[in-house]
Protein backbone atom coordinates (compact mmCIF):
# COMPACT_ATOMS: atom_id res chain seq x y z
CA MET A 1 95.20 120.72 106.25
CA LYS A 2 94.09 120.31 109.86
CA ILE A 3 95.82 117.87 112.22
CA LEU A 4 94.54 116.90 115.68
CA ILE A 5 97.15 115.65 118.18
CA VAL A 6 95.93 113.77 121.26
CA ASP A 7 98.48 112.91 123.96
CA ASP A 8 98.36 113.18 127.75
CA GLU A 9 102.05 114.08 128.07
CA HIS A 10 102.16 117.88 127.79
CA ASP A 11 105.83 118.07 126.82
CA ILE A 12 105.24 115.67 123.92
CA LEU A 13 102.08 117.54 122.93
CA GLU A 14 103.94 120.86 122.77
CA PHE A 15 106.92 119.27 121.01
CA LEU A 16 104.76 117.70 118.30
CA SER A 17 102.57 120.78 117.89
CA TYR A 18 105.61 123.03 117.41
CA ASN A 19 107.28 120.78 114.84
CA ILE A 20 104.13 120.08 112.84
CA LYS A 21 103.09 123.75 112.78
CA LYS A 22 106.53 124.60 111.38
CA GLU A 23 105.62 122.52 108.33
CA GLY A 24 102.58 124.71 107.65
CA PHE A 25 99.81 122.52 109.06
CA ASP A 26 96.90 123.80 111.13
CA VAL A 27 97.21 122.02 114.52
CA VAL A 28 94.66 121.38 117.27
CA THR A 29 95.67 119.60 120.51
CA ALA A 30 94.01 117.66 123.32
CA ASP A 31 95.57 116.22 126.48
CA ASN A 32 93.14 113.33 127.01
CA GLY A 33 91.07 110.96 124.93
CA LYS A 34 87.68 112.38 125.83
CA ARG A 35 88.73 115.90 124.85
CA GLY A 36 90.35 114.53 121.70
CA TYR A 37 87.12 112.86 120.61
CA TYR A 38 85.18 116.08 121.22
CA LEU A 39 87.65 118.12 119.15
CA ALA A 40 87.63 115.53 116.37
CA LYS A 41 83.86 115.94 116.03
CA LYS A 42 84.17 119.72 116.20
CA HIS A 43 87.00 120.24 113.70
CA ILE A 44 86.77 117.19 111.37
CA PRO A 45 90.57 117.03 110.96
CA ASN A 46 92.30 115.55 107.93
CA LEU A 47 94.63 113.61 110.22
CA ILE A 48 94.43 112.54 113.87
CA ILE A 49 97.57 111.58 115.81
CA LEU A 50 96.61 109.44 118.83
CA ASP A 51 98.56 108.25 121.83
CA VAL A 52 97.48 104.79 123.02
CA MET A 53 97.63 105.10 126.82
CA MET A 54 95.58 108.10 128.01
CA PRO A 55 93.24 108.96 130.90
CA GLN A 56 89.44 109.14 130.58
CA MET A 57 89.46 107.41 127.19
CA ASP A 58 92.41 105.55 125.68
CA GLY A 59 93.50 105.93 122.08
CA PHE A 60 91.89 102.69 120.97
CA GLU A 61 88.49 103.77 122.31
CA VAL A 62 88.86 107.18 120.66
CA CYS A 63 89.73 105.52 117.36
CA LYS A 64 86.75 103.18 117.60
CA LYS A 65 84.34 106.06 118.27
CA ILE A 66 85.82 108.13 115.45
CA ARG A 67 85.34 105.29 112.98
CA GLU A 68 81.67 105.07 113.99
CA LYS A 69 81.06 108.69 112.92
CA ASP A 70 80.22 109.11 109.24
CA GLU A 71 81.63 112.64 109.15
CA LEU A 72 85.00 111.37 110.47
CA LYS A 73 85.42 108.32 108.26
CA LYS A 74 87.82 110.16 105.94
CA SER A 75 89.98 111.40 108.81
CA LYS A 76 93.22 109.42 108.76
CA ILE A 77 94.67 108.13 112.03
CA ILE A 78 98.29 107.64 113.12
CA PHE A 79 98.97 106.02 116.49
CA LEU A 80 101.89 106.97 118.73
CA SER A 81 103.00 104.66 121.51
CA ALA A 82 105.92 103.51 123.62
CA LYS A 83 104.29 100.09 123.40
CA SER A 84 105.53 98.37 120.26
CA ASP A 85 104.43 94.79 120.85
CA GLU A 86 102.75 92.95 118.02
CA GLU A 87 99.37 92.83 119.77
CA THR A 88 99.22 96.61 120.25
CA ILE A 89 100.22 97.37 116.67
CA GLU A 90 97.81 94.80 115.25
CA LYS A 91 94.93 96.24 117.29
CA ALA A 92 95.73 99.76 116.05
CA TYR A 93 95.50 98.71 112.41
CA LYS A 94 92.36 96.64 112.96
CA LEU A 95 90.64 99.67 114.46
CA GLY A 96 91.39 101.71 111.34
CA ALA A 97 94.79 103.32 111.86
CA ILE A 98 96.81 103.99 108.73
CA ASP A 99 100.20 104.11 110.49
CA PHE A 100 101.88 103.37 113.85
CA VAL A 101 104.88 105.35 115.12
CA ASN A 102 106.95 104.28 118.12
CA LYS A 103 108.03 106.62 120.91
CA PRO A 104 110.48 108.28 121.44
CA ILE A 105 109.51 110.31 118.40
CA LYS A 106 111.93 111.64 115.82
CA PRO A 107 110.36 114.82 114.36
CA LYS A 108 111.69 114.38 110.81
CA LEU A 109 110.46 110.80 110.68
CA LEU A 110 107.01 111.75 111.95
CA ILE A 111 106.70 114.63 109.47
CA SER A 112 107.70 112.26 106.70
CA ARG A 113 105.00 109.80 107.78
CA ILE A 114 102.42 112.58 108.05
CA GLU A 115 103.17 113.87 104.56
CA SER A 116 103.15 110.34 103.17
CA VAL A 117 99.68 109.78 104.63
CA LEU A 118 98.27 113.12 103.45
CA TYR A 119 99.91 113.14 100.02
CA GLU A 120 99.13 109.55 99.11
CA ASN A 121 97.32 109.07 95.81
CA THR A 122 93.64 108.57 96.58
CA ASP A 123 90.44 109.65 94.89
CA GLU A 124 89.68 112.07 97.70
CA LYS A 125 88.64 115.64 97.14
CA PHE A 126 90.62 118.38 98.85
CA LYS A 127 88.70 121.57 99.53
CA VAL A 128 90.11 124.86 100.78
CA GLY A 129 87.84 127.89 100.67
CA ASN A 130 86.34 128.19 97.21
CA ILE A 131 88.87 125.73 95.74
CA GLU A 132 88.27 122.00 95.37
CA LEU A 133 90.89 119.63 93.98
CA ASN A 134 89.59 116.31 92.64
CA HIS A 135 92.23 113.58 92.34
CA GLU A 136 90.05 111.11 90.49
CA LEU A 137 89.12 113.59 87.75
CA LYS A 138 92.52 115.39 87.76
CA SER A 139 90.66 118.66 87.90
CA ILE A 140 90.20 121.75 90.04
CA TYR A 141 86.99 123.60 90.79
CA VAL A 142 87.17 127.34 91.43
CA ASP A 143 83.82 128.77 92.54
CA ASP A 144 82.24 125.57 91.13
CA ILE A 145 83.80 126.14 87.69
CA LYS A 146 85.76 123.08 86.56
CA TYR A 147 89.25 123.29 85.03
CA SER A 148 90.92 120.15 83.70
CA LEU A 149 94.58 119.72 84.62
CA LYS A 150 97.59 118.00 83.18
CA ASN A 151 99.37 115.63 85.55
CA ASP A 152 102.20 118.03 86.45
CA GLU A 153 99.71 120.87 86.99
CA PHE A 154 97.71 118.68 89.34
CA ILE A 155 100.77 117.56 91.32
CA LEU A 156 101.98 121.13 91.87
CA LEU A 157 98.55 122.37 92.89
CA LYS A 158 98.12 119.48 95.31
CA ILE A 159 101.46 120.27 96.98
CA LEU A 160 100.54 123.94 97.35
CA ILE A 161 96.89 123.52 98.32
CA LEU A 162 97.59 120.98 101.06
CA LYS A 163 99.57 123.69 102.88
CA PRO A 164 98.00 127.04 101.99
CA GLY A 165 100.16 129.98 102.98
CA GLN A 166 103.37 127.96 103.23
CA VAL A 167 106.22 129.05 100.97
CA PHE A 168 107.80 126.25 98.93
CA SER A 169 111.29 126.98 97.66
CA VAL A 170 112.19 126.59 94.00
CA ASP A 171 114.84 124.05 95.00
CA TYR A 172 112.29 121.95 96.89
CA LEU A 173 109.76 121.95 94.04
CA ILE A 174 112.38 121.00 91.44
CA ASN A 175 114.43 118.47 93.38
CA LYS A 176 112.23 116.97 96.08
CA THR A 177 108.86 116.36 94.44
CA LEU A 178 107.44 114.13 91.72
CA LEU A 179 107.12 117.01 89.24
CA GLY A 180 110.07 115.81 87.18
CA LEU A 181 111.38 119.30 86.50
CA SER A 182 114.95 120.09 85.48
CA ASN A 183 115.28 123.84 86.05
CA THR A 184 113.61 127.05 87.18
CA ASN A 185 112.36 127.89 83.69
CA GLU A 186 110.33 124.68 83.58
CA LEU A 187 108.85 125.45 86.99
CA TYR A 188 108.00 129.01 85.95
CA SER A 189 106.28 127.74 82.79
CA LEU A 190 104.27 125.25 84.84
CA VAL A 191 103.12 127.96 87.24
CA GLN A 192 102.15 130.19 84.32
CA ARG A 193 100.06 127.42 82.76
CA ILE A 194 98.14 126.97 85.99
CA ARG A 195 97.61 130.72 86.39
CA GLU A 196 96.22 130.94 82.87
CA LYS A 197 93.59 128.35 83.84
CA ILE A 198 92.52 129.39 87.34
CA GLY A 199 93.60 133.03 87.51
CA ARG A 200 96.65 134.78 88.91
CA ASN A 201 95.36 135.42 92.44
CA TYR A 202 96.04 132.01 93.97
CA ILE A 203 99.68 131.07 93.33
CA LYS A 204 101.86 133.86 94.70
CA THR A 205 105.50 134.37 93.76
CA ILE A 206 107.80 134.98 96.72
CA LYS A 207 110.70 136.79 95.08
CA GLY A 208 114.01 135.00 95.43
CA ILE A 209 112.45 132.05 97.26
CA GLY A 210 109.58 130.25 95.57
CA TYR A 211 105.78 130.02 95.58
CA LYS A 212 102.82 129.72 97.91
CA PHE A 213 99.07 129.21 97.55
CA GLU A 214 96.63 131.76 98.95
CA ILE A 215 92.85 131.79 99.15
């Protein structure tokens, strides 16, 4: 999943980029609104994090322009700002933001908000390489071949596919997700069921740690 961060304060930009990359996301940065808008059109990010007050083009103007582009209409937007008055927040939501986070920023809180936005249940399709995950149909397409999924299979694949290459620990998958698993045997059985459907080349076992998704 690609995230674009737009903020004119370089220390904040580096701080956010570092912490978000640690969570396995692909990050692109811009230090002004005009550059941010250009990169949004170039990369079509899944999520855009916008500061409000910026030179050349403020966050509100960037958001407005993004919402006018058909190819960017599915890009979600989170605003960051030291301004937390009702008028500023209301304007952000009216322009199409999905969340508003106040500065100073707490990394864990922001990551939680980012994951909430990206993991929310929508009918969107998530595509990575030759893999497409369809929430509405609860199915996965591998090289355009459709495989129907049970709910737990879909949830696990969505977690893994949203962050390809990131290793998820067994403890995390059992205790901190909506999979409803009780032990490692249940997780192993779930992984095996998915592998039997889509092949064994995508979900990799990281011995002693957990699993990751590779294209």
